[in-house]
C-alpha atoms as a PDB file:
ATOM      1  CA  MET A   1      -8.017  70.946  12.640  1.00  0.00           C
ATOM      2  CA  ALA A   2      -8.418  67.584  10.941  1.00  0.00           C
ATOM      3  CA  ASN A   3     -11.401  65.494  11.831  1.00  0.00           C
ATOM      4  CA  ARG A   4     -10.156  62.406  13.655  1.00  0.00           C
ATOM      5  CA  ASP A   5     -13.450  60.528  13.142  1.00  0.00           C
ATOM      6  CA  ALA A   6     -13.249  60.752   9.371  1.00  0.00           C
ATOM      7  CA  ALA A   7     -13.283  57.413   7.585  1.00  0.00           C
ATOM      8  CA  PRO A   8      -9.971  56.289   6.254  1.00  0.00           C
ATOM      9  CA  THR A   9      -9.464  57.013   2.632  1.00  0.00           C
ATOM     10  CA  ALA A  10      -9.461  54.078   0.185  1.00  0.00           C
ATOM     11  CA  PRO A  11      -6.206  53.238  -1.514  1.00  0.00           C
ATOM     12  CA  ALA A  12      -5.601  54.926  -4.792  1.00  0.00           C
ATOM     13  CA  ALA A  13      -5.397  51.703  -6.738  1.00  0.00           C
ATOM     14  CA  SER A  14      -6.220  48.179  -5.724  1.00  0.00           C
ATOM     15  CA  GLN A  15      -3.208  45.931  -5.677  1.00  0.00           C
ATOM     16  CA  PRO A  16      -3.445  42.736  -7.707  1.00  0.00           C
ATOM     17  CA  VAL A  17      -4.004  39.551  -5.734  1.00  0.00           C
ATOM     18  CA  ILE A  18      -1.254  37.037  -6.379  1.00  0.00           C
ATOM     19  CA  LYS A  19      -2.386  33.418  -6.216  1.00  0.00           C
ATOM     20  CA  ARG A  20       0.343  30.921  -5.573  1.00  0.00           C
ATOM     21  CA  GLN A  21      -0.112  27.484  -7.046  1.00  0.00           C
ATOM     22  CA  LEU A  22       1.727  24.909  -4.994  1.00  0.00           C
ATOM     23  CA  LEU A  23       1.457  21.977  -7.411  1.00  0.00           C
ATOM     24  CA  PRO A  24       1.042  22.017 -11.177  1.00  0.00           C
ATOM     25  CA  ARG A  25      -2.294  20.893 -12.476  1.00  0.00           C
ATOM     26  CA  ILE A  26      -2.118  17.384 -13.861  1.00  0.00           C
ATOM     27  CA  ASP A  27      -4.242  16.441 -16.814  1.00  0.00           C
ATOM     28  CA  MET A  28      -6.094  13.158 -16.384  1.00  0.00           C
ATOM     29  CA  ALA A  29      -5.195  12.211 -19.944  1.00  0.00           C
ATOM     30  CA  ASP A  30      -1.530  12.098 -18.889  1.00  0.00           C
ATOM     31  CA  LEU A  31      -2.397   9.743 -16.044  1.00  0.00           C
ATOM     32  CA  LYS A  32      -4.180   7.361 -18.414  1.00  0.00           C
ATOM     33  CA  LEU A  33      -1.261   7.256 -20.848  1.00  0.00           C
ATOM     34  CA  ALA A  34       1.046   5.199 -18.609  1.00  0.00           C
ATOM     35  CA  PRO A  35      -1.541   2.443 -17.860  1.00  0.00           C
ATOM     36  CA  THR A  36      -2.377   2.244 -21.562  1.00  0.00           C
ATOM     37  CA  ILE A  37       1.258   1.781 -22.543  1.00  0.00           C
ATOM     38  CA  ALA A  38       1.719  -0.741 -19.725  1.00  0.00           C
ATOM     39  CA  ALA A  39      -1.340  -2.727 -20.840  1.00  0.00           C
ATOM     40  CA  VAL A  40      -0.147  -2.793 -24.439  1.00  0.00           C
ATOM     41  CA  CYS A  41       3.359  -3.905 -23.458  1.00  0.00           C
ATOM     42  CA  LEU A  42       2.041  -6.633 -21.154  1.00  0.00           C
ATOM     43  CA  PHE A  43      -0.427  -7.806 -23.807  1.00  0.00           C
ATOM     44  CA  VAL A  44       2.338  -8.086 -26.407  1.00  0.00           C
ATOM     45  CA  ILE A  45       4.563 -10.055 -24.015  1.00  0.00           C
ATOM     46  CA  VAL A  46       1.733 -12.426 -23.045  1.00  0.00           C
ATOM     47  CA  VAL A  47       0.775 -13.032 -26.687  1.00  0.00           C
ATOM     48  CA  ALA A  48       4.423 -13.583 -27.633  1.00  0.00           C
ATOM     49  CA  ALA A  49       4.774 -16.097 -24.801  1.00  0.00           C
ATOM     50  CA  LEU A  50       1.640 -17.978 -25.798  1.00  0.00           C
ATOM     51  CA  LEU A  51       2.642 -18.070 -29.461  1.00  0.00           C
ATOM     52  CA  ALA A  52       6.317 -18.813 -28.785  1.00  0.00           C
ATOM     53  CA  PRO A  53       6.200 -22.233 -30.546  1.00  0.00           C
ATOM     54  CA  LEU A  54       4.858 -20.500 -33.670  1.00  0.00           C
ATOM     55  CA  ILE A  55       6.925 -17.313 -33.801  1.00  0.00           C
ATOM     56  CA  ALA A  56      10.239 -18.504 -32.331  1.00  0.00           C
ATOM     57  CA  PRO A  57      12.625 -18.976 -35.260  1.00  0.00           C
ATOM     58  CA  TYR A  58      14.610 -21.826 -33.645  1.00  0.00           C
ATOM     59  CA  ASP A  59      14.399 -24.534 -31.034  1.00  0.00           C
ATOM     60  CA  PRO A  60      15.382 -22.802 -27.754  1.00  0.00           C
ATOM     61  CA  ILE A  61      17.508 -25.736 -26.577  1.00  0.00           C
ATOM     62  CA  ALA A  62      19.068 -26.718 -29.910  1.00  0.00           C
ATOM     63  CA  MET A  63      22.830 -26.174 -29.780  1.00  0.00           C
ATOM     64  CA  ASN A  64      24.971 -25.156 -32.740  1.00  0.00           C
ATOM     65  CA  PRO A  65      28.637 -24.737 -31.727  1.00  0.00           C
ATOM     66  CA  MET A  66      29.504 -23.338 -35.151  1.00  0.00           C
ATOM     67  CA  GLU A  67      27.370 -20.230 -34.451  1.00  0.00           C
ATOM     68  CA  ARG A  68      28.272 -19.560 -30.833  1.00  0.00           C
ATOM     69  CA  LEU A  69      28.442 -15.982 -29.522  1.00  0.00           C
ATOM     70  CA  GLN A  70      27.324 -14.394 -32.771  1.00  0.00           C
ATOM     71  CA  GLY A  71      26.073 -10.822 -32.896  1.00  0.00           C
ATOM     72  CA  ALA A  72      22.689  -9.601 -34.085  1.00  0.00           C
ATOM     73  CA  SER A  73      21.920 -10.586 -37.660  1.00  0.00           C
ATOM     74  CA  ALA A  74      18.983 -11.356 -39.915  1.00  0.00           C
ATOM     75  CA  ALA A  75      19.173 -15.029 -38.932  1.00  0.00           C
ATOM     76  CA  HIS A  76      19.553 -14.275 -35.215  1.00  0.00           C
ATOM     77  CA  PRO A  77      18.073 -10.842 -34.326  1.00  0.00           C
ATOM     78  CA  PHE A  78      19.255 -11.093 -30.674  1.00  0.00           C
ATOM     79  CA  GLY A  79      22.402 -13.069 -31.457  1.00  0.00           C
ATOM     80  CA  THR A  80      23.397 -16.450 -30.057  1.00  0.00           C
ATOM     81  CA  ASP A  81      24.737 -17.608 -26.701  1.00  0.00           C
ATOM     82  CA  ALA A  82      27.845 -19.596 -25.776  1.00  0.00           C
ATOM     83  CA  TYR A  83      26.259 -22.820 -27.019  1.00  0.00           C
ATOM     84  CA  GLY A  84      25.027 -21.417 -30.319  1.00  0.00           C
ATOM     85  CA  ARG A  85      21.382 -21.222 -29.189  1.00  0.00           C
ATOM     86  CA  ASP A  86      19.208 -18.420 -30.529  1.00  0.00           C
ATOM     87  CA  VAL A  87      18.717 -15.779 -27.811  1.00  0.00           C
ATOM     88  CA  LEU A  88      15.420 -14.538 -29.286  1.00  0.00           C
ATOM     89  CA  SER A  89      13.874 -17.995 -29.156  1.00  0.00           C
ATOM     90  CA  ARG A  90      15.107 -18.568 -25.622  1.00  0.00           C
ATOM     91  CA  THR A  91      13.777 -15.171 -24.503  1.00  0.00           C
ATOM     92  CA  LEU A  92      10.329 -15.910 -25.944  1.00  0.00           C
ATOM     93  CA  TYR A  93      10.174 -19.317 -24.286  1.00  0.00           C
ATOM     94  CA  GLY A  94      11.550 -17.832 -21.073  1.00  0.00           C
ATOM     95  CA  ALA A  95       8.541 -15.511 -20.960  1.00  0.00           C
ATOM     96  CA  ARG A  96       6.284 -18.550 -20.702  1.00  0.00           C
ATOM     97  CA  MET A  97       8.023 -19.833 -17.580  1.00  0.00           C
ATOM     98  CA  SER A  98       8.112 -16.439 -15.897  1.00  0.00           C
ATOM     99  CA  LEU A  99       4.426 -15.752 -16.575  1.00  0.00           C
ATOM    100  CA  ILE A 100       3.423 -19.244 -15.428  1.00  0.00           C
ATOM    101  CA  VAL A 101       5.269 -18.735 -12.149  1.00  0.00           C
ATOM    102  CA  GLY A 102       3.896 -15.207 -11.644  1.00  0.00           C
ATOM    103  CA  ILE A 103       0.257 -15.972 -12.431  1.00  0.00           C
ATOM    104  CA  GLY A 104       0.374 -19.323 -10.650  1.00  0.00           C
ATOM    105  CA  ALA A 105       1.834 -17.830  -7.472  1.00  0.00           C
ATOM    106  CA  ALA A 106      -0.780 -15.054  -7.452  1.00  0.00           C
ATOM    107  CA  LEU A 107      -3.682 -17.486  -7.909  1.00  0.00           C
ATOM    108  CA  VAL A 108      -2.479 -19.975  -5.300  1.00  0.00           C
ATOM    109  CA  ALA A 109      -1.672 -17.256  -2.776  1.00  0.00           C
ATOM    110  CA  VAL A 110      -5.147 -15.755  -3.159  1.00  0.00           C
ATOM    111  CA  LEU A 111      -6.963 -19.108  -3.071  1.00  0.00           C
ATOM    112  CA  ILE A 112      -5.180 -20.122   0.148  1.00  0.00           C
ATOM    113  CA  GLY A 113      -4.897 -16.721   1.798  1.00  0.00           C
ATOM    114  CA  LEU A 114      -8.521 -15.682   1.240  1.00  0.00           C
ATOM    115  CA  PRO A 115     -10.225 -18.341   3.407  1.00  0.00           C
ATOM    116  CA  LEU A 116      -7.493 -18.134   6.050  1.00  0.00           C
ATOM    117  CA  GLY A 117      -7.892 -14.383   6.248  1.00  0.00           C
ATOM    118  CA  LEU A 118     -11.683 -14.646   6.440  1.00  0.00           C
ATOM    119  CA  PHE A 119     -11.551 -17.095   9.352  1.00  0.00           C
ATOM    120  CA  ALA A 120      -8.779 -15.164  11.121  1.00  0.00           C
ATOM    121  CA  GLY A 121     -10.738 -11.912  10.931  1.00  0.00           C
ATOM    122  CA  PHE A 122     -14.076 -13.410  11.985  1.00  0.00           C
ATOM    123  CA  PHE A 123     -13.037 -15.787  14.781  1.00  0.00           C
ATOM    124  CA  ARG A 124     -11.035 -14.117  17.521  1.00  0.00           C
ATOM    125  CA  TRP A 125      -9.743 -17.409  18.981  1.00  0.00           C
ATOM    126  CA  LEU A 126      -8.487 -18.557  15.608  1.00  0.00           C
ATOM    127  CA  ASP A 127      -6.956 -15.184  14.846  1.00  0.00           C
ATOM    128  CA  ALA A 128      -4.285 -15.541  17.520  1.00  0.00           C
ATOM    129  CA  ILE A 129      -3.180 -18.943  16.221  1.00  0.00           C
ATOM    130  CA  LEU A 130      -3.183 -18.201  12.497  1.00  0.00           C
ATOM    131  CA  MET A 131      -1.530 -14.807  12.727  1.00  0.00           C
ATOM    132  CA  ARG A 132       1.316 -16.134  14.856  1.00  0.00           C
ATOM    133  CA  ILE A 133       1.976 -18.731  12.154  1.00  0.00           C
ATOM    134  CA  MET A 134       1.838 -16.029   9.481  1.00  0.00           C
ATOM    135  CA  ASP A 135       4.185 -13.806  11.492  1.00  0.00           C
ATOM    136  CA  GLY A 136       6.620 -16.710  11.767  1.00  0.00           C
ATOM    137  CA  LEU A 137       6.610 -17.213   7.993  1.00  0.00           C
ATOM    138  CA  MET A 138       7.053 -13.497   7.348  1.00  0.00           C
ATOM    139  CA  ALA A 139      10.023 -13.411   9.730  1.00  0.00           C
ATOM    140  CA  ILE A 140      11.982 -15.681   7.367  1.00  0.00           C
ATOM    141  CA  PRO A 141      13.462 -13.889   4.318  1.00  0.00           C
ATOM    142  CA  SER A 142      11.527 -15.064   1.272  1.00  0.00           C
ATOM    143  CA  ILE A 143      14.635 -15.648  -0.854  1.00  0.00           C
ATOM    144  CA  LEU A 144      16.320 -17.777   1.820  1.00  0.00           C
ATOM    145  CA  LEU A 145      13.137 -19.786   2.389  1.00  0.00           C
ATOM    146  CA  ALA A 146      12.746 -20.388  -1.359  1.00  0.00           C
ATOM    147  CA  ILE A 147      16.388 -21.447  -1.721  1.00  0.00           C
ATOM    148  CA  ALA A 148      16.015 -23.857   1.201  1.00  0.00           C
ATOM    149  CA  ILE A 149      12.859 -25.439  -0.257  1.00  0.00           C
ATOM    150  CA  VAL A 150      14.375 -25.781  -3.734  1.00  0.00           C
ATOM    151  CA  SER A 151      17.568 -27.260  -2.283  1.00  0.00           C
ATOM    152  CA  LEU A 152      15.599 -29.906  -0.388  1.00  0.00           C
ATOM    153  CA  ALA A 153      12.987 -30.762  -3.033  1.00  0.00           C
ATOM    154  CA  GLY A 154      14.956 -30.219  -6.247  1.00  0.00           C
ATOM    155  CA  SER A 155      14.791 -27.584  -8.963  1.00  0.00           C
ATOM    156  CA  SER A 156      11.604 -28.044 -10.967  1.00  0.00           C
ATOM    157  CA  LEU A 157       8.802 -25.745 -12.030  1.00  0.00           C
ATOM    158  CA  TRP A 158       6.378 -26.969  -9.354  1.00  0.00           C
ATOM    159  CA  THR A 159       9.014 -26.792  -6.620  1.00  0.00           C
ATOM    160  CA  VAL A 160       9.939 -23.237  -7.558  1.00  0.00           C
ATOM    161  CA  LEU A 161       6.262 -22.272  -7.723  1.00  0.00           C
ATOM    162  CA  PHE A 162       5.656 -23.753  -4.273  1.00  0.00           C
ATOM    163  CA  ALA A 163       8.774 -22.097  -2.824  1.00  0.00           C
ATOM    164  CA  ILE A 164       7.761 -18.680  -4.161  1.00  0.00           C
ATOM    165  CA  THR A 165       4.104 -18.940  -3.145  1.00  0.00           C
ATOM    166  CA  ILE A 166       4.664 -19.848   0.516  1.00  0.00           C
ATOM    167  CA  PRO A 167       6.121 -16.441   1.535  1.00  0.00           C
ATOM    168  CA  GLU A 168       3.333 -14.589  -0.313  1.00  0.00           C
ATOM    169  CA  ILE A 169       0.448 -16.274   1.507  1.00  0.00           C
ATOM    170  CA  PRO A 170       0.935 -14.391   4.846  1.00  0.00           C
ATOM    171  CA  ARG A 171       0.691 -11.048   3.032  1.00  0.00           C
ATOM    172  CA  VAL A 172      -2.651 -12.024   1.518  1.00  0.00           C
ATOM    173  CA  VAL A 173      -3.911 -13.363   4.865  1.00  0.00           C
ATOM    174  CA  ARG A 174      -3.031 -10.139   6.683  1.00  0.00           C
ATOM    175  CA  LEU A 175      -4.732  -8.045   4.004  1.00  0.00           C
ATOM    176  CA  VAL A 176      -7.966 -10.052   4.065  1.00  0.00           C
ATOM    177  CA  ARG A 177      -7.945 -10.151   7.873  1.00  0.00           C
ATOM    178  CA  SER A 178      -7.683  -6.371   8.121  1.00  0.00           C
ATOM    179  CA  VAL A 179     -10.610  -5.926   5.736  1.00  0.00           C
ATOM    180  CA  VAL A 180     -12.743  -8.454   7.613  1.00  0.00           C
ATOM    181  CA  LEU A 181     -11.972  -6.864  10.995  1.00  0.00           C
ATOM    182  CA  SER A 182     -13.330  -3.588   9.661  1.00  0.00           C
ATOM    183  CA  ALA A 183     -16.309  -5.069   7.805  1.00  0.00           C
ATOM    184  CA  ARG A 184     -17.540  -7.307  10.630  1.00  0.00           C
ATOM    185  CA  GLU A 185     -18.395  -4.222  12.700  1.00  0.00           C
ATOM    186  CA  GLU A 186     -20.723  -2.879  10.008  1.00  0.00           C
ATOM    187  CA  PRO A 187     -24.460  -2.812  10.835  1.00  0.00           C
ATOM    188  CA  TYR A 188     -25.461  -5.131   7.982  1.00  0.00           C
ATOM    189  CA  VAL A 189     -23.057  -7.824   9.213  1.00  0.00           C
ATOM    190  CA  GLU A 190     -24.279  -7.487  12.789  1.00  0.00           C
ATOM    191  CA  ALA A 191     -27.866  -7.669  11.521  1.00  0.00           C
ATOM    192  CA  ALA A 192     -27.078 -10.851   9.574  1.00  0.00           C
ATOM    193  CA  ILE A 193     -25.595 -12.394  12.722  1.00  0.00           C
ATOM    194  CA  ALA A 194     -28.585 -11.265  14.821  1.00  0.00           C
ATOM    195  CA  VAL A 195     -31.157 -12.852  12.500  1.00  0.00           C
ATOM    196  CA  GLY A 196     -29.271 -16.148  12.623  1.00  0.00           C
ATOM    197  CA  SER A 197     -27.753 -16.283   9.140  1.00  0.00           C
ATOM    198  CA  SER A 198     -25.497 -19.250   8.564  1.00  0.00           C
ATOM    199  CA  LEU A 199     -21.742 -18.795   8.743  1.00  0.00           C
ATOM    200  CA  PRO A 200     -21.129 -19.648   5.040  1.00  0.00           C
ATOM    201  CA  LYS A 201     -23.757 -17.089   4.043  1.00  0.00           C
ATOM    202  CA  ILE A 202     -22.181 -14.370   6.185  1.00  0.00           C
ATOM    203  CA  MET A 203     -18.736 -15.170   4.833  1.00  0.00           C
ATOM    204  CA  TRP A 204     -19.779 -15.469   1.173  1.00  0.00           C
ATOM    205  CA  ARG A 205     -22.390 -12.709   0.834  1.00  0.00           C
ATOM    206  CA  HIS A 206     -21.335 -10.086   3.376  1.00  0.00           C
ATOM    207  CA  LEU A 207     -17.614 -10.322   4.101  1.00  0.00           C
ATOM    208  CA  MET A 208     -15.901 -11.722   1.017  1.00  0.00           C
ATOM    209  CA  PRO A 209     -17.196  -9.070  -1.451  1.00  0.00           C
ATOM    210  CA  ASN A 210     -15.391  -6.417   0.601  1.00  0.00           C
ATOM    211  CA  THR A 211     -12.063  -8.183   0.041  1.00  0.00           C
ATOM    212  CA  LEU A 212     -12.251  -8.538  -3.759  1.00  0.00           C
ATOM    213  CA  ALA A 213     -11.006  -5.063  -4.680  1.00  0.00           C
ATOM    214  CA  PRO A 214      -7.881  -5.088  -2.453  1.00  0.00           C
ATOM    215  CA  LEU A 215      -7.254  -8.724  -3.383  1.00  0.00           C
ATOM    216  CA  ILE A 216      -7.128  -7.896  -7.091  1.00  0.00           C
ATOM    217  CA  VAL A 217      -4.568  -5.196  -6.407  1.00  0.00           C
ATOM    218  CA  GLN A 218      -2.557  -7.450  -4.106  1.00  0.00           C
ATOM    219  CA  ALA A 219      -2.587 -10.222  -6.717  1.00  0.00           C
ATOM    220  CA  THR A 220      -0.833  -7.968  -9.230  1.00  0.00           C
ATOM    221  CA  TYR A 221       1.924  -7.218  -6.724  1.00  0.00           C
ATOM    222  CA  VAL A 222       2.284 -10.918  -5.882  1.00  0.00           C
ATOM    223  CA  CYS A 223       2.530 -11.719  -9.596  1.00  0.00           C
ATOM    224  CA  ALA A 224       5.289  -9.157 -10.172  1.00  0.00           C
ATOM    225  CA  SER A 225       7.140 -10.220  -7.019  1.00  0.00           C
ATOM    226  CA  ALA A 226       6.953 -13.902  -8.020  1.00  0.00           C
ATOM    227  CA  ILE A 227       8.363 -13.196 -11.498  1.00  0.00           C
ATOM    228  CA  LEU A 228      11.238 -11.256  -9.982  1.00  0.00           C
ATOM    229  CA  THR A 229      11.907 -13.903  -7.314  1.00  0.00           C
ATOM    230  CA  GLU A 230      11.972 -16.662  -9.939  1.00  0.00           C
ATOM    231  CA  ALA A 231      14.492 -14.677 -11.961  1.00  0.00           C
ATOM    232  CA  ILE A 232      16.654 -14.195  -8.854  1.00  0.00           C
ATOM    233  CA  LEU A 233      16.511 -17.887  -7.958  1.00  0.00           C
ATOM    234  CA  SER A 234      17.361 -18.956 -11.506  1.00  0.00           C
ATOM    235  CA  PHE A 235      20.160 -16.400 -11.675  1.00  0.00           C
ATOM    236  CA  LEU A 236      21.624 -17.847  -8.473  1.00  0.00           C
ATOM    237  CA  GLY A 237      21.287 -21.389  -9.829  1.00  0.00           C
ATOM    238  CA  ALA A 238      18.518 -22.370  -7.394  1.00  0.00           C
ATOM    239  CA  GLY A 239      15.561 -22.010  -9.745  1.00  0.00           C
ATOM    240  CA  ILE A 240      14.270 -23.813 -12.805  1.00  0.00           C
ATOM    241  CA  GLY A 241      16.833 -26.093 -14.437  1.00  0.00           C
ATOM    242  CA  THR A 242      18.875 -24.790 -17.342  1.00  0.00           C
ATOM    243  CA  GLU A 243      17.213 -27.291 -19.696  1.00  0.00           C
ATOM    244  CA  THR A 244      14.069 -25.120 -19.420  1.00  0.00           C
ATOM    245  CA  PRO A 245      14.737 -21.546 -20.578  1.00  0.00           C
ATOM    246  CA  SER A 246      13.674 -18.771 -18.240  1.00  0.00           C
ATOM    247  CA  TRP A 247      14.747 -15.157 -18.058  1.00  0.00           C
ATOM    248  CA  GLY A 248      16.700 -15.829 -14.887  1.00  0.00           C
ATOM    249  CA  ASN A 249      18.816 -18.746 -16.099  1.00  0.00           C
ATOM    250  CA  ILE A 250      19.373 -17.058 -19.491  1.00  0.00           C
ATOM    251  CA  MET A 251      20.954 -14.121 -17.667  1.00  0.00           C
ATOM    252  CA  SER A 252      22.800 -16.507 -15.349  1.00  0.00           C
ATOM    253  CA  GLU A 253      24.448 -18.251 -18.297  1.00  0.00           C
ATOM    254  CA  GLY A 254      25.156 -14.942 -20.027  1.00  0.00           C
ATOM    255  CA  ARG A 255      26.938 -13.311 -17.082  1.00  0.00           C
ATOM    256  CA  LEU A 256      30.114 -15.299 -17.840  1.00  0.00           C
ATOM    257  CA  TYR A 257      30.324 -13.594 -21.214  1.00  0.00           C
ATOM    258  CA  PHE A 258      28.942 -10.206 -20.208  1.00  0.00           C
ATOM    259  CA  GLN A 259      32.059  -8.247 -21.147  1.00  0.00           C
ATOM    260  CA  LEU A 260      32.218  -9.979 -24.525  1.00  0.00           C
ATOM    261  CA  LYS A 261      28.472  -9.936 -25.318  1.00  0.00           C
ATOM    262  CA  PRO A 262      26.321  -7.747 -23.027  1.00  0.00           C
ATOM    263  CA  SER A 263      23.263  -8.573 -25.149  1.00  0.00           C
ATOM    264  CA  LEU A 264      23.082 -12.015 -23.524  1.00  0.00           C
ATOM    265  CA  ILE A 265      21.843 -10.283 -20.367  1.00  0.00           C
ATOM    266  CA  PHE A 266      20.359  -7.146 -21.906  1.00  0.00           C
ATOM    267  CA  TRP A 267      17.462  -8.719 -23.826  1.00  0.00           C
ATOM    268  CA  PRO A 268      16.027 -11.035 -21.132  1.00  0.00           C
ATOM    269  CA  GLY A 269      16.666  -8.313 -18.555  1.00  0.00           C
ATOM    270  CA  LEU A 270      14.781  -5.803 -20.696  1.00  0.00           C
ATOM    271  CA  PHE A 271      11.778  -8.117 -21.077  1.00  0.00           C
ATOM    272  CA  LEU A 272      11.844  -8.842 -17.334  1.00  0.00           C
ATOM    273  CA  SER A 273      11.929  -5.134 -16.447  1.00  0.00           C
ATOM    274  CA  ILE A 274       9.126  -4.210 -18.858  1.00  0.00           C
ATOM    275  CA  THR A 275       6.909  -7.032 -17.567  1.00  0.00           C
ATOM    276  CA  ILE A 276       7.359  -6.179 -13.887  1.00  0.00           C
ATOM    277  CA  LEU A 277       6.983  -2.437 -14.512  1.00  0.00           C
ATOM    278  CA  SER A 278       3.814  -2.972 -16.563  1.00  0.00           C
ATOM    279  CA  ILE A 279       2.233  -5.188 -13.898  1.00  0.00           C
ATOM    280  CA  ASN A 280       3.069  -2.687 -11.158  1.00  0.00           C
ATOM    281  CA  ILE A 281       1.637   0.230 -13.140  1.00  0.00           C
ATOM    282  CA  LEU A 282      -1.583  -1.680 -13.811  1.00  0.00           C
ATOM    283  CA  GLY A 283      -1.762  -2.635 -10.135  1.00  0.00           C
ATOM    284  CA  ASP A 284      -1.405   0.998  -9.066  1.00  0.00           C
ATOM    285  CA  THR A 285      -4.093   1.980 -11.573  1.00  0.00           C
ATOM    286  CA  ALA A 286      -6.450  -0.693 -10.270  1.00  0.00           C
ATOM    287  CA  ARG A 287      -5.848   0.522  -6.719  1.00  0.00           C
ATOM    288  CA  ASP A 288      -6.631   4.117  -7.663  1.00  0.00           C
ATOM    289  CA  VAL A 289      -9.824   3.099  -9.456  1.00  0.00           C
ATOM    290  CA  MET A 290     -11.101   0.746  -6.748  1.00  0.00           C
ATOM    291  CA  ASP A 291     -10.212   2.949  -3.761  1.00  0.00           C
ATOM    292  CA  PRO A 292     -12.932   5.639  -3.442  1.00  0.00           C
ATOM    293  CA  LYS A 293     -10.770   7.763  -1.141  1.00  0.00           C
ATOM    294  CA  LEU A 294      -8.045   8.071  -3.757  1.00  0.00           C
ATOM    295  CA  GLY A 295     -10.686   8.822  -6.384  1.00  0.00           C
ATOM    296  CA  LYS A 296     -11.999  11.744  -4.323  1.00  0.00           C
ATOM    297  CA  LYS A 297      -8.469  13.096  -3.877  1.00  0.00           C
ATOM    298  CA  ARG A 298      -7.902  13.052  -7.634  1.00  0.00           C
ATOM    299  CA  GLN A 299     -11.148  14.919  -8.266  1.00  0.00           C
ATOM    300  CA  ALA A 300     -10.377  17.561  -5.627  1.00  0.00           C
END
């Protein structure tokens, strides 16, 4: 009779343990490749825009009807438009306008939105007033608001810059306000208030440093959005005047001859896409580097 209390026998051979990997392992070198390429592309475009008067082969507004709608050649690498103007020269000069609008909108939005966000997050009574104004501005579509401002004030560089910047300010204010609402509950801020520190000192030394990292990231997105909005306004005929080349109005003029010469839209559109994509990639990289939570997730 078999012994029921006997220990169970071990299996003859241990079965291999199969480990299932849900996601492939990503090498950090691959993640650094995209920001490097984006930085190089953006650097080349910025340098080309700054040196446009030196490297542009022709005057961007000089017309030559005898050479209109020519294809790519040694004299005109990007061809010519319907007025005989060199597309390469106009694309290089158009980069200057787009970068001026993008960088200018980002700087103005940060300079105005930062103090408003600091006061809105620190003073509860002021928060209700400022945020209702910001909500009202955000309720209006940015393109429609920009078109309305340009239509009333005229199409110039400063008008377009003002029209593009106004819708971006509420986004900066809301970002800074959210950071301040979280930081003002920290013990070091409460200690500074308890010991009687002045309001400028609390704002400058304790609250504002917490907003710098997200502000840098937000500024890159504002810059890319402003460049794209300027191109849309110029393409619709509500942006910078055609006497000043920009990527938007170059494509707007070229759309009439798109079937005959697609390159009139292809080259400025390509530069516009590369610039916006590069800025967005660098903004995402800056966010990943400055956000400690995302850094811990990458190391996990």
